[in-house]
PDB file of N, CA and C in Angstrom:
ATOM      1  N   MET A   1       0.851  -1.180   0.000  1.00  0.00           N
ATOM      2  CA  MET A   1       0.000   0.000   0.000  1.00  0.00           C
ATOM      3  C   MET A   1       0.895   1.241   0.000  1.00  0.00           C
ATOM      4  N   ALA A   2       0.502   2.217  -0.733  1.00  0.00           N
ATOM      5  CA  ALA A   2       1.289   3.448  -0.855  1.00  0.00           C
ATOM      6  C   ALA A   2       1.047   4.373   0.332  1.00  0.00           C
ATOM      7  N   ILE A   3       2.051   5.143   0.621  1.00  0.00           N
ATOM      8  CA  ILE A   3       1.938   6.155   1.674  1.00  0.00           C
ATOM      9  C   ILE A   3       1.331   7.409   1.047  1.00  0.00           C
ATOM     10  N   ARG A   4       0.347   7.966   1.712  1.00  0.00           N
ATOM     11  CA  ARG A   4      -0.292   9.179   1.205  1.00  0.00           C
ATOM     12  C   ARG A   4       0.705  10.329   1.152  1.00  0.00           C
ATOM     13  N   ARG A   5       0.492  11.214   0.207  1.00  0.00           N
ATOM     14  CA  ARG A   5       1.373  12.365   0.001  1.00  0.00           C
ATOM     15  C   ARG A   5       1.471  13.205   1.275  1.00  0.00           C
ATOM     16  N   THR A   6       0.376  13.397   2.000  1.00  0.00           N
ATOM     17  CA  THR A   6       0.421  14.220   3.211  1.00  0.00           C
ATOM     18  C   THR A   6       1.350  13.617   4.261  1.00  0.00           C
ATOM     19  N   VAL A   7       1.340  12.297   4.365  1.00  0.00           N
ATOM     20  CA  VAL A   7       2.234  11.616   5.310  1.00  0.00           C
ATOM     21  C   VAL A   7       3.670  11.731   4.829  1.00  0.00           C
ATOM     22  N   GLN A   8       3.882  11.486   3.547  1.00  0.00           N
ATOM     23  CA  GLN A   8       5.227  11.555   2.990  1.00  0.00           C
ATOM     24  C   GLN A   8       5.816  12.953   3.140  1.00  0.00           C
ATOM     25  N   ASN A   9       4.991  13.980   2.983  1.00  0.00           N
ATOM     26  CA  ASN A   9       5.470  15.360   3.145  1.00  0.00           C
ATOM     27  C   ASN A   9       6.026  15.595   4.550  1.00  0.00           C
ATOM     28  N   LEU A  10       5.328  15.077   5.556  1.00  0.00           N
ATOM     29  CA  LEU A  10       5.803  15.255   6.934  1.00  0.00           C
ATOM     30  C   LEU A  10       7.095  14.477   7.150  1.00  0.00           C
ATOM     31  N   VAL A  11       7.157  13.259   6.666  1.00  0.00           N
ATOM     32  CA  VAL A  11       8.354  12.439   6.821  1.00  0.00           C
ATOM     33  C   VAL A  11       9.535  13.082   6.089  1.00  0.00           C
ATOM     34  N   ASP A  12       9.293  13.581   4.879  1.00  0.00           N
ATOM     35  CA  ASP A  12      10.349  14.206   4.088  1.00  0.00           C
ATOM     36  C   ASP A  12      10.887  15.479   4.723  1.00  0.00           C
ATOM     37  N   ALA A  13      10.086  16.129   5.546  1.00  0.00           N
ATOM     38  CA  ALA A  13      10.519  17.366   6.207  1.00  0.00           C
ATOM     39  C   ALA A  13      11.595  17.090   7.260  1.00  0.00           C
ATOM     40  N   GLY A  14      11.768  15.818   7.603  1.00  0.00           N
ATOM     41  CA  GLY A  14      12.782  15.463   8.595  1.00  0.00           C
ATOM     42  C   GLY A  14      12.200  15.484   9.989  1.00  0.00           C
ATOM     43  N   PRO A  15      13.023  15.187  10.967  1.00  0.00           N
ATOM     44  CA  PRO A  15      12.532  15.154  12.347  1.00  0.00           C
ATOM     45  C   PRO A  15      11.944  16.497  12.771  1.00  0.00           C
ATOM     46  N   PHE A  16      10.992  16.420  13.675  1.00  0.00           N
ATOM     47  CA  PHE A  16      10.402  17.634  14.237  1.00  0.00           C
ATOM     48  C   PHE A  16      11.509  18.511  14.814  1.00  0.00           C
ATOM     49  N   PRO A  17      11.342  19.822  14.703  1.00  0.00           N
ATOM     50  CA  PRO A  17      12.317  20.709  15.345  1.00  0.00           C
ATOM     51  C   PRO A  17      12.165  20.621  16.862  1.00  0.00           C
ATOM     52  N   SER A  18      13.191  21.031  17.553  1.00  0.00           N
ATOM     53  CA  SER A  18      13.085  21.089  19.011  1.00  0.00           C
ATOM     54  C   SER A  18      12.299  22.342  19.384  1.00  0.00           C
ATOM     55  N   GLU A  19      11.977  22.455  20.649  1.00  0.00           N
ATOM     56  CA  GLU A  19      11.280  23.650  21.118  1.00  0.00           C
ATOM     57  C   GLU A  19      12.160  24.891  21.007  1.00  0.00           C
ATOM     58  N   GLU A  20      13.432  24.690  20.709  1.00  0.00           N
ATOM     59  CA  GLU A  20      14.335  25.819  20.484  1.00  0.00           C
ATOM     60  C   GLU A  20      14.348  26.241  19.017  1.00  0.00           C
ATOM     61  N   GLY A  21      13.569  25.538  18.183  1.00  0.00           N
ATOM     62  CA  GLY A  21      13.481  25.882  16.768  1.00  0.00           C
ATOM     63  C   GLY A  21      12.791  27.222  16.585  1.00  0.00           C
ATOM     64  N   THR A  22      12.845  27.716  15.367  1.00  0.00           N
ATOM     65  CA  THR A  22      12.206  29.000  15.081  1.00  0.00           C
ATOM     66  C   THR A  22      10.688  28.832  15.045  1.00  0.00           C
ATOM     67  N   GLU A  23      10.005  29.926  15.205  1.00  0.00           N
ATOM     68  CA  GLU A  23       8.550  29.917  15.137  1.00  0.00           C
ATOM     69  C   GLU A  23       8.083  29.406  13.772  1.00  0.00           C
ATOM     70  N   GLU A  24       8.813  29.765  12.736  1.00  0.00           N
ATOM     71  CA  GLU A  24       8.459  29.331  11.378  1.00  0.00           C
ATOM     72  C   GLU A  24       8.617  27.816  11.210  1.00  0.00           C
ATOM     73  N   GLU A  25       9.696  27.248  11.757  1.00  0.00           N
ATOM     74  CA  GLU A  25       9.911  25.798  11.669  1.00  0.00           C
ATOM     75  C   GLU A  25       8.799  25.038  12.377  1.00  0.00           C
ATOM     76  N   ILE A  26       8.446  25.505  13.543  1.00  0.00           N
ATOM     77  CA  ILE A  26       7.410  24.829  14.329  1.00  0.00           C
ATOM     78  C   ILE A  26       6.046  24.980  13.650  1.00  0.00           C
ATOM     79  N   ALA A  27       5.755  26.160  13.135  1.00  0.00           N
ATOM     80  CA  ALA A  27       4.484  26.380  12.425  1.00  0.00           C
ATOM     81  C   ALA A  27       4.399  25.516  11.173  1.00  0.00           C
ATOM     82  N   ALA A  28       5.503  25.383  10.447  1.00  0.00           N
ATOM     83  CA  ALA A  28       5.515  24.552   9.237  1.00  0.00           C
ATOM     84  C   ALA A  28       5.276  23.089   9.596  1.00  0.00           C
ATOM     85  N   THR A  29       5.882  22.622  10.680  1.00  0.00           N
ATOM     86  CA  THR A  29       5.683  21.246  11.130  1.00  0.00           C
ATOM     87  C   THR A  29       4.232  21.029  11.539  1.00  0.00           C
ATOM     88  N   GLN A  30       3.682  21.976  12.270  1.00  0.00           N
ATOM     89  CA  GLN A  30       2.285  21.878  12.685  1.00  0.00           C
ATOM     90  C   GLN A  30       1.368  21.817  11.460  1.00  0.00           C
ATOM     91  N   HIS A  31       1.626  22.635  10.477  1.00  0.00           N
ATOM     92  CA  HIS A  31       0.815  22.649   9.265  1.00  0.00           C
ATOM     93  C   HIS A  31       0.864  21.287   8.560  1.00  0.00           C
ATOM     94  N   LEU A  32       2.056  20.720   8.421  1.00  0.00           N
ATOM     95  CA  LEU A  32       2.188  19.404   7.783  1.00  0.00           C
ATOM     96  C   LEU A  32       1.440  18.331   8.566  1.00  0.00           C
ATOM     97  N   LEU A  33       1.547  18.381   9.878  1.00  0.00           N
ATOM     98  CA  LEU A  33       0.886  17.397  10.734  1.00  0.00           C
ATOM     99  C   LEU A  33      -0.632  17.513  10.628  1.00  0.00           C
ATOM    100  N   GLU A  34      -1.130  18.730  10.572  1.00  0.00           N
ATOM    101  CA  GLU A  34      -2.573  18.953  10.490  1.00  0.00           C
ATOM    102  C   GLU A  34      -3.165  18.497   9.155  1.00  0.00           C
ATOM    103  N   GLN A  35      -2.358  18.315   8.145  1.00  0.00           N
ATOM    104  CA  GLN A  35      -2.842  17.889   6.829  1.00  0.00           C
ATOM    105  C   GLN A  35      -3.148  16.394   6.772  1.00  0.00           C
ATOM    106  N   ILE A  36      -2.677  15.637   7.753  1.00  0.00           N
ATOM    107  CA  ILE A  36      -2.848  14.187   7.747  1.00  0.00           C
ATOM    108  C   ILE A  36      -4.182  13.830   8.397  1.00  0.00           C
ATOM    109  N   VAL A  37      -4.994  13.107   7.650  1.00  0.00           N
ATOM    110  CA  VAL A  37      -6.291  12.673   8.141  1.00  0.00           C
ATOM    111  C   VAL A  37      -6.156  11.265   8.720  1.00  0.00           C
ATOM    112  N   ALA A  38      -6.611  11.109   9.952  1.00  0.00           N
ATOM    113  CA  ALA A  38      -6.602   9.799  10.609  1.00  0.00           C
ATOM    114  C   ALA A  38      -7.792   8.993  10.105  1.00  0.00           C
ATOM    115  N   PRO A  39      -7.676   7.686  10.118  1.00  0.00           N
ATOM    116  CA  PRO A  39      -6.571   6.885  10.612  1.00  0.00           C
ATOM    117  C   PRO A  39      -5.459   6.753   9.576  1.00  0.00           C
ATOM    118  N   VAL A  40      -4.286   6.378  10.071  1.00  0.00           N
ATOM    119  CA  VAL A  40      -3.156   6.108   9.185  1.00  0.00           C
ATOM    120  C   VAL A  40      -3.047   4.609   8.983  1.00  0.00           C
ATOM    121  N   THR A  41      -2.356   4.201   7.934  1.00  0.00           N
ATOM    122  CA  THR A  41      -2.121   2.773   7.710  1.00  0.00           C
ATOM    123  C   THR A  41      -0.945   2.320   8.576  1.00  0.00           C
ATOM    124  N   ASP A  42      -0.758   1.028   8.664  1.00  0.00           N
ATOM    125  CA  ASP A  42       0.385   0.504   9.415  1.00  0.00           C
ATOM    126  C   ASP A  42       1.694   0.976   8.786  1.00  0.00           C
ATOM    127  N   GLU A  43       1.759   0.985   7.472  1.00  0.00           N
ATOM    128  CA  GLU A  43       2.958   1.450   6.777  1.00  0.00           C
ATOM    129  C   GLU A  43       3.210   2.934   7.060  1.00  0.00           C
ATOM    130  N   GLU A  44       2.150   3.720   7.050  1.00  0.00           N
ATOM    131  CA  GLU A  44       2.295   5.149   7.354  1.00  0.00           C
ATOM    132  C   GLU A  44       2.739   5.359   8.792  1.00  0.00           C
ATOM    133  N   ALA A  45       2.215   4.557   9.708  1.00  0.00           N
ATOM    134  CA  ALA A  45       2.612   4.669  11.117  1.00  0.00           C
ATOM    135  C   ALA A  45       4.103   4.430  11.286  1.00  0.00           C
ATOM    136  N   GLN A  46       4.616   3.414  10.601  1.00  0.00           N
ATOM    137  CA  GLN A  46       6.053   3.131  10.681  1.00  0.00           C
ATOM    138  C   GLN A  46       6.862   4.313  10.151  1.00  0.00           C
ATOM    139  N   ALA A  47       6.422   4.893   9.047  1.00  0.00           N
ATOM    140  CA  ALA A  47       7.124   6.041   8.471  1.00  0.00           C
ATOM    141  C   ALA A  47       7.042   7.247   9.403  1.00  0.00           C
ATOM    142  N   LEU A  48       5.871   7.475   9.975  1.00  0.00           N
ATOM    143  CA  LEU A  48       5.689   8.635  10.854  1.00  0.00           C
ATOM    144  C   LEU A  48       6.532   8.540  12.121  1.00  0.00           C
ATOM    145  N   ALA A  49       6.819   7.339  12.578  1.00  0.00           N
ATOM    146  CA  ALA A  49       7.631   7.174  13.790  1.00  0.00           C
ATOM    147  C   ALA A  49       9.038   7.731  13.614  1.00  0.00           C
ATOM    148  N   THR A  50       9.467   7.915  12.372  1.00  0.00           N
ATOM    149  CA  THR A  50      10.792   8.481  12.124  1.00  0.00           C
ATOM    150  C   THR A  50      10.795  10.003  12.230  1.00  0.00           C
ATOM    151  N   ALA A  51       9.619  10.619  12.362  1.00  0.00           N
ATOM    152  CA  ALA A  51       9.518  12.083  12.364  1.00  0.00           C
ATOM    153  C   ALA A  51       9.675  12.712  13.743  1.00  0.00           C
ATOM    154  N   PHE A  52       9.712  11.904  14.790  1.00  0.00           N
ATOM    155  CA  PHE A  52       9.856  12.481  16.131  1.00  0.00           C
ATOM    156  C   PHE A  52      11.177  13.217  16.269  1.00  0.00           C
ATOM    157  N   GLY A  53      11.121  14.355  16.917  1.00  0.00           N
ATOM    158  CA  GLY A  53      12.313  15.120  17.226  1.00  0.00           C
ATOM    159  C   GLY A  53      12.772  14.845  18.642  1.00  0.00           C
ATOM    160  N   PRO A  54      13.600  15.736  19.181  1.00  0.00           N
ATOM    161  CA  PRO A  54      14.201  15.483  20.488  1.00  0.00           C
ATOM    162  C   PRO A  54      13.315  15.798  21.688  1.00  0.00           C
ATOM    163  N   ASP A  55      12.223  16.546  21.477  1.00  0.00           N
ATOM    164  CA  ASP A  55      11.410  16.936  22.632  1.00  0.00           C
ATOM    165  C   ASP A  55       9.937  16.993  22.240  1.00  0.00           C
ATOM    166  N   ASP A  56       9.138  17.608  23.065  1.00  0.00           N
ATOM    167  CA  ASP A  56       7.690  17.675  22.909  1.00  0.00           C
ATOM    168  C   ASP A  56       7.243  18.550  21.732  1.00  0.00           C
ATOM    169  N   CYS A  57       8.093  19.461  21.298  1.00  0.00           N
ATOM    170  CA  CYS A  57       7.779  20.387  20.205  1.00  0.00           C
ATOM    171  C   CYS A  57       6.417  21.048  20.452  1.00  0.00           C
ATOM    172  N   TYR A  58       6.260  21.564  21.666  1.00  0.00           N
ATOM    173  CA  TYR A  58       5.042  22.283  22.054  1.00  0.00           C
ATOM    174  C   TYR A  58       3.779  21.456  21.845  1.00  0.00           C
ATOM    175  N   GLY A  59       3.850  20.174  22.126  1.00  0.00           N
ATOM    176  CA  GLY A  59       2.691  19.296  22.043  1.00  0.00           C
ATOM    177  C   GLY A  59       2.546  18.571  20.721  1.00  0.00           C
ATOM    178  N   LEU A  60       3.300  18.953  19.712  1.00  0.00           N
ATOM    179  CA  LEU A  60       3.169  18.300  18.408  1.00  0.00           C
ATOM    180  C   LEU A  60       3.593  16.839  18.453  1.00  0.00           C
ATOM    181  N   SER A  61       4.541  16.508  19.323  1.00  0.00           N
ATOM    182  CA  SER A  61       4.973  15.113  19.433  1.00  0.00           C
ATOM    183  C   SER A  61       3.849  14.238  19.985  1.00  0.00           C
ATOM    184  N   TRP A  62       3.071  14.769  20.916  1.00  0.00           N
ATOM    185  CA  TRP A  62       1.921  14.005  21.427  1.00  0.00           C
ATOM    186  C   TRP A  62       0.891  13.789  20.324  1.00  0.00           C
ATOM    187  N   THR A  63       0.660  14.825  19.526  1.00  0.00           N
ATOM    188  CA  THR A  63      -0.279  14.703  18.416  1.00  0.00           C
ATOM    189  C   THR A  63       0.192  13.631  17.449  1.00  0.00           C
ATOM    190  N   LEU A  64       1.476  13.622  17.144  1.00  0.00           N
ATOM    191  CA  LEU A  64       2.038  12.609  16.252  1.00  0.00           C
ATOM    192  C   LEU A  64       1.894  11.220  16.851  1.00  0.00           C
ATOM    193  N   LEU A  65       2.194  11.067  18.118  1.00  0.00           N
ATOM    194  CA  LEU A  65       2.077   9.767  18.776  1.00  0.00           C
ATOM    195  C   LEU A  65       0.643   9.250  18.688  1.00  0.00           C
ATOM    196  N   HIS A  66      -0.322  10.099  18.982  1.00  0.00           N
ATOM    197  CA  HIS A  66      -1.720   9.680  18.924  1.00  0.00           C
ATOM    198  C   HIS A  66      -2.151   9.367  17.488  1.00  0.00           C
ATOM    199  N   LEU A  67      -1.627  10.093  16.527  1.00  0.00           N
ATOM    200  CA  LEU A  67      -1.922   9.815  15.126  1.00  0.00           C
ATOM    201  C   LEU A  67      -1.387   8.433  14.741  1.00  0.00           C
ATOM    202  N   ILE A  68      -0.170   8.130  15.138  1.00  0.00           N
ATOM    203  CA  ILE A  68       0.419   6.817  14.860  1.00  0.00           C
ATOM    204  C   ILE A  68      -0.437   5.712  15.470  1.00  0.00           C
ATOM    205  N   GLU A  69      -0.972   5.966  16.635  1.00  0.00           N
ATOM    206  CA  GLU A  69      -1.780   4.954  17.323  1.00  0.00           C
ATOM    207  C   GLU A  69      -3.148   4.721  16.671  1.00  0.00           C
ATOM    208  N   THR A  70      -3.479   5.473  15.613  1.00  0.00           N
ATOM    209  CA  THR A  70      -4.727   5.214  14.890  1.00  0.00           C
ATOM    210  C   THR A  70      -4.565   4.108  13.848  1.00  0.00           C
ATOM    211  N   ALA A  71      -3.352   3.633  13.624  1.00  0.00           N
ATOM    212  CA  ALA A  71      -3.113   2.557  12.650  1.00  0.00           C
ATOM    213  C   ALA A  71      -3.849   1.298  13.097  1.00  0.00           C
ATOM    214  N   PRO A  72      -4.339   0.505  12.160  1.00  0.00           N
ATOM    215  CA  PRO A  72      -5.147  -0.662  12.523  1.00  0.00           C
ATOM    216  C   PRO A  72      -4.437  -1.682  13.419  1.00  0.00           C
ATOM    217  N   ASN A  73      -3.140  -1.842  13.265  1.00  0.00           N
ATOM    218  CA  ASN A  73      -2.408  -2.810  14.086  1.00  0.00           C
ATOM    219  C   ASN A  73      -1.471  -2.143  15.084  1.00  0.00           C
ATOM    220  N   ALA A  74      -1.796  -0.928  15.451  1.00  0.00           N
ATOM    221  CA  ALA A  74      -0.936  -0.168  16.370  1.00  0.00           C
ATOM    222  C   ALA A  74      -0.760  -0.862  17.715  1.00  0.00           C
ATOM    223  N   GLN A  75      -1.773  -1.564  18.159  1.00  0.00           N
ATOM    224  CA  GLN A  75      -1.676  -2.185  19.481  1.00  0.00           C
ATOM    225  C   GLN A  75      -0.730  -3.386  19.509  1.00  0.00           C
ATOM    226  N   ASN A  76      -0.288  -3.843  18.333  1.00  0.00           N
ATOM    227  CA  ASN A  76       0.661  -4.956  18.263  1.00  0.00           C
ATOM    228  C   ASN A  76       1.942  -4.597  17.525  1.00  0.00           C
ATOM    229  N   ALA A  77       2.111  -3.346  17.184  1.00  0.00           N
ATOM    230  CA  ALA A  77       3.241  -2.917  16.354  1.00  0.00           C
ATOM    231  C   ALA A  77       4.529  -2.793  17.161  1.00  0.00           C
ATOM    232  N   HIS A  78       5.619  -2.775  16.422  1.00  0.00           N
ATOM    233  CA  HIS A  78       6.926  -2.455  16.988  1.00  0.00           C
ATOM    234  C   HIS A  78       7.552  -1.439  16.042  1.00  0.00           C
ATOM    235  N   TYR A  79       8.137  -0.403  16.593  1.00  0.00           N
ATOM    236  CA  TYR A  79       8.708   0.686  15.808  1.00  0.00           C
ATOM    237  C   TYR A  79      10.225   0.670  15.969  1.00  0.00           C
ATOM    238  N   PRO A  80      10.923  -0.068  15.083  1.00  0.00           N
ATOM    239  CA  PRO A  80      12.365  -0.237  15.236  1.00  0.00           C
ATOM    240  C   PRO A  80      13.195   0.940  14.740  1.00  0.00           C
ATOM    241  N   GLN A  81      12.675   1.713  13.792  1.00  0.00           N
ATOM    242  CA  GLN A  81      13.450   2.842  13.281  1.00  0.00           C
ATOM    243  C   GLN A  81      13.435   3.967  14.305  1.00  0.00           C
ATOM    244  N   ASN A  82      14.594   4.592  14.466  1.00  0.00           N
ATOM    245  CA  ASN A  82      14.706   5.710  15.406  1.00  0.00           C
ATOM    246  C   ASN A  82      14.421   5.250  16.843  1.00  0.00           C
ATOM    247  N   ALA A  83      14.720   3.986  17.136  1.00  0.00           N
ATOM    248  CA  ALA A  83      14.328   3.360  18.401  1.00  0.00           C
ATOM    249  C   ALA A  83      14.937   4.012  19.635  1.00  0.00           C
ATOM    250  N   ASP A  84      16.031   4.755  19.489  1.00  0.00           N
ATOM    251  CA  ASP A  84      16.634   5.403  20.655  1.00  0.00           C
ATOM    252  C   ASP A  84      16.015   6.768  20.948  1.00  0.00           C
ATOM    253  N   ASN A  85      15.094   7.214  20.099  1.00  0.00           N
ATOM    254  CA  ASN A  85      14.398   8.472  20.350  1.00  0.00           C
ATOM    255  C   ASN A  85      13.423   8.256  21.511  1.00  0.00           C
ATOM    256  N   PRO A  86      13.373   9.175  22.477  1.00  0.00           N
ATOM    257  CA  PRO A  86      12.482   8.977  23.632  1.00  0.00           C
ATOM    258  C   PRO A  86      11.006   8.834  23.257  1.00  0.00           C
ATOM    259  N   TRP A  87      10.578   9.460  22.176  1.00  0.00           N
ATOM    260  CA  TRP A  87       9.175   9.352  21.762  1.00  0.00           C
ATOM    261  C   TRP A  87       8.892   7.990  21.161  1.00  0.00           C
ATOM    262  N   VAL A  88       9.830   7.445  20.420  1.00  0.00           N
ATOM    263  CA  VAL A  88       9.655   6.099  19.870  1.00  0.00           C
ATOM    264  C   VAL A  88       9.722   5.085  21.009  1.00  0.00           C
ATOM    265  N   GLU A  89      10.593   5.316  21.978  1.00  0.00           N
ATOM    266  CA  GLU A  89      10.648   4.447  23.157  1.00  0.00           C
ATOM    267  C   GLU A  89       9.302   4.459  23.873  1.00  0.00           C
ATOM    268  N   LEU A  90       8.711   5.640  24.022  1.00  0.00           N
ATOM    269  CA  LEU A  90       7.403   5.757  24.669  1.00  0.00           C
ATOM    270  C   LEU A  90       6.339   5.020  23.863  1.00  0.00           C
ATOM    271  N   LEU A  91       6.361   5.186  22.564  1.00  0.00           N
ATOM    272  CA  LEU A  91       5.404   4.509  21.697  1.00  0.00           C
ATOM    273  C   LEU A  91       5.521   2.998  21.857  1.00  0.00           C
ATOM    274  N   ASN A  92       6.736   2.479  21.808  1.00  0.00           N
ATOM    275  CA  ASN A  92       6.948   1.036  21.984  1.00  0.00           C
ATOM    276  C   ASN A  92       6.554   0.574  23.384  1.00  0.00           C
ATOM    277  N   SER A  93       6.790   1.399  24.380  1.00  0.00           N
ATOM    278  CA  SER A  93       6.399   1.061  25.758  1.00  0.00           C
ATOM    279  C   SER A  93       4.884   0.986  25.898  1.00  0.00           C
ATOM    280  N   ARG A  94       4.187   1.896  25.236  1.00  0.00           N
ATOM    281  CA  ARG A  94       2.727   1.886  25.295  1.00  0.00           C
ATOM    282  C   ARG A  94       2.177   0.624  24.633  1.00  0.00           C
ATOM    283  N   VAL A  95       2.792   0.196  23.531  1.00  0.00           N
ATOM    284  CA  VAL A  95       2.381  -1.044  22.869  1.00  0.00           C
ATOM    285  C   VAL A  95       2.606  -2.223  23.812  1.00  0.00           C
ATOM    286  N   ALA A  96       3.786  -2.281  24.417  1.00  0.00           N
ATOM    287  CA  ALA A  96       4.115  -3.385  25.327  1.00  0.00           C
ATOM    288  C   ALA A  96       3.175  -3.410  26.528  1.00  0.00           C
ATOM    289  N   PHE A  97       2.861  -2.253  27.073  1.00  0.00           N
ATOM    290  CA  PHE A  97       1.956  -2.182  28.216  1.00  0.00           C
ATOM    291  C   PHE A  97       0.568  -2.679  27.816  1.00  0.00           C
ATOM    292  N   GLY A  98       0.109  -2.265  26.652  1.00  0.00           N
ATOM    293  CA  GLY A  98      -1.190  -2.709  26.173  1.00  0.00           C
ATOM    294  C   GLY A  98      -1.258  -4.227  26.010  1.00  0.00           C
ATOM    295  N   LYS A  99      -0.176  -4.809  25.500  1.00  0.00           N
ATOM    296  CA  LYS A  99      -0.124  -6.264  25.336  1.00  0.00           C
ATOM    297  C   LYS A  99      -0.205  -6.941  26.698  1.00  0.00           C
ATOM    298  N   GLU A 100       0.499  -6.408  27.676  1.00  0.00           N
ATOM    299  CA  GLU A 100       0.470  -6.973  29.030  1.00  0.00           C
ATOM    300  C   GLU A 100      -0.921  -6.868  29.632  1.00  0.00           C
ATOM    301  N   MET A 101      -1.572  -5.759  29.430  1.00  0.00           N
ATOM    302  CA  MET A 101      -2.915  -5.555  29.987  1.00  0.00           C
ATOM    303  C   MET A 101      -3.920  -6.532  29.352  1.00  0.00           C
ATOM    304  N   ARG A 102      -3.759  -6.832  28.094  1.00  0.00           N
ATOM    305  CA  ARG A 102      -4.682  -7.745  27.413  1.00  0.00           C
ATOM    306  C   ARG A 102      -4.495  -9.197  27.874  1.00  0.00           C
ATOM    307  N   LYS A 103      -3.314  -9.500  28.440  1.00  0.00           N
ATOM    308  CA  LYS A 103      -3.054 -10.856  28.943  1.00  0.00           C
ATOM    309  C   LYS A 103      -3.841 -11.129  30.218  1.00  0.00           C
ATOM    310  N   GLU A 104      -4.082 -10.077  30.980  1.00  0.00           N
ATOM    311  CA  GLU A 104      -4.733 -10.261  32.292  1.00  0.00           C
ATOM    312  C   GLU A 104      -6.216 -10.465  32.183  1.00  0.00           C
TER     313      GLU A 104
END
């Protein structure tokens, strides 16, 4: 399945800027993120996981995380790319926690 242009545009823009980025960089990232209509596909979720930057980016990282979690198999996914990023670690931790909760 192909990745939608709106998703590819965000991925192509590179990682989210930090909160120390310029107002223009953060606004451009927000605009790209707002163009993506949920739900995303599993393939798009994997691609989007590479877009996390180093920090919260004024809440945009949370928006991205929740968008990724709209993928149909998000509750069983593993995001190996960019795995040392704290946001990807959080995403993988949430998946693992969900799996543990479903066992009980």
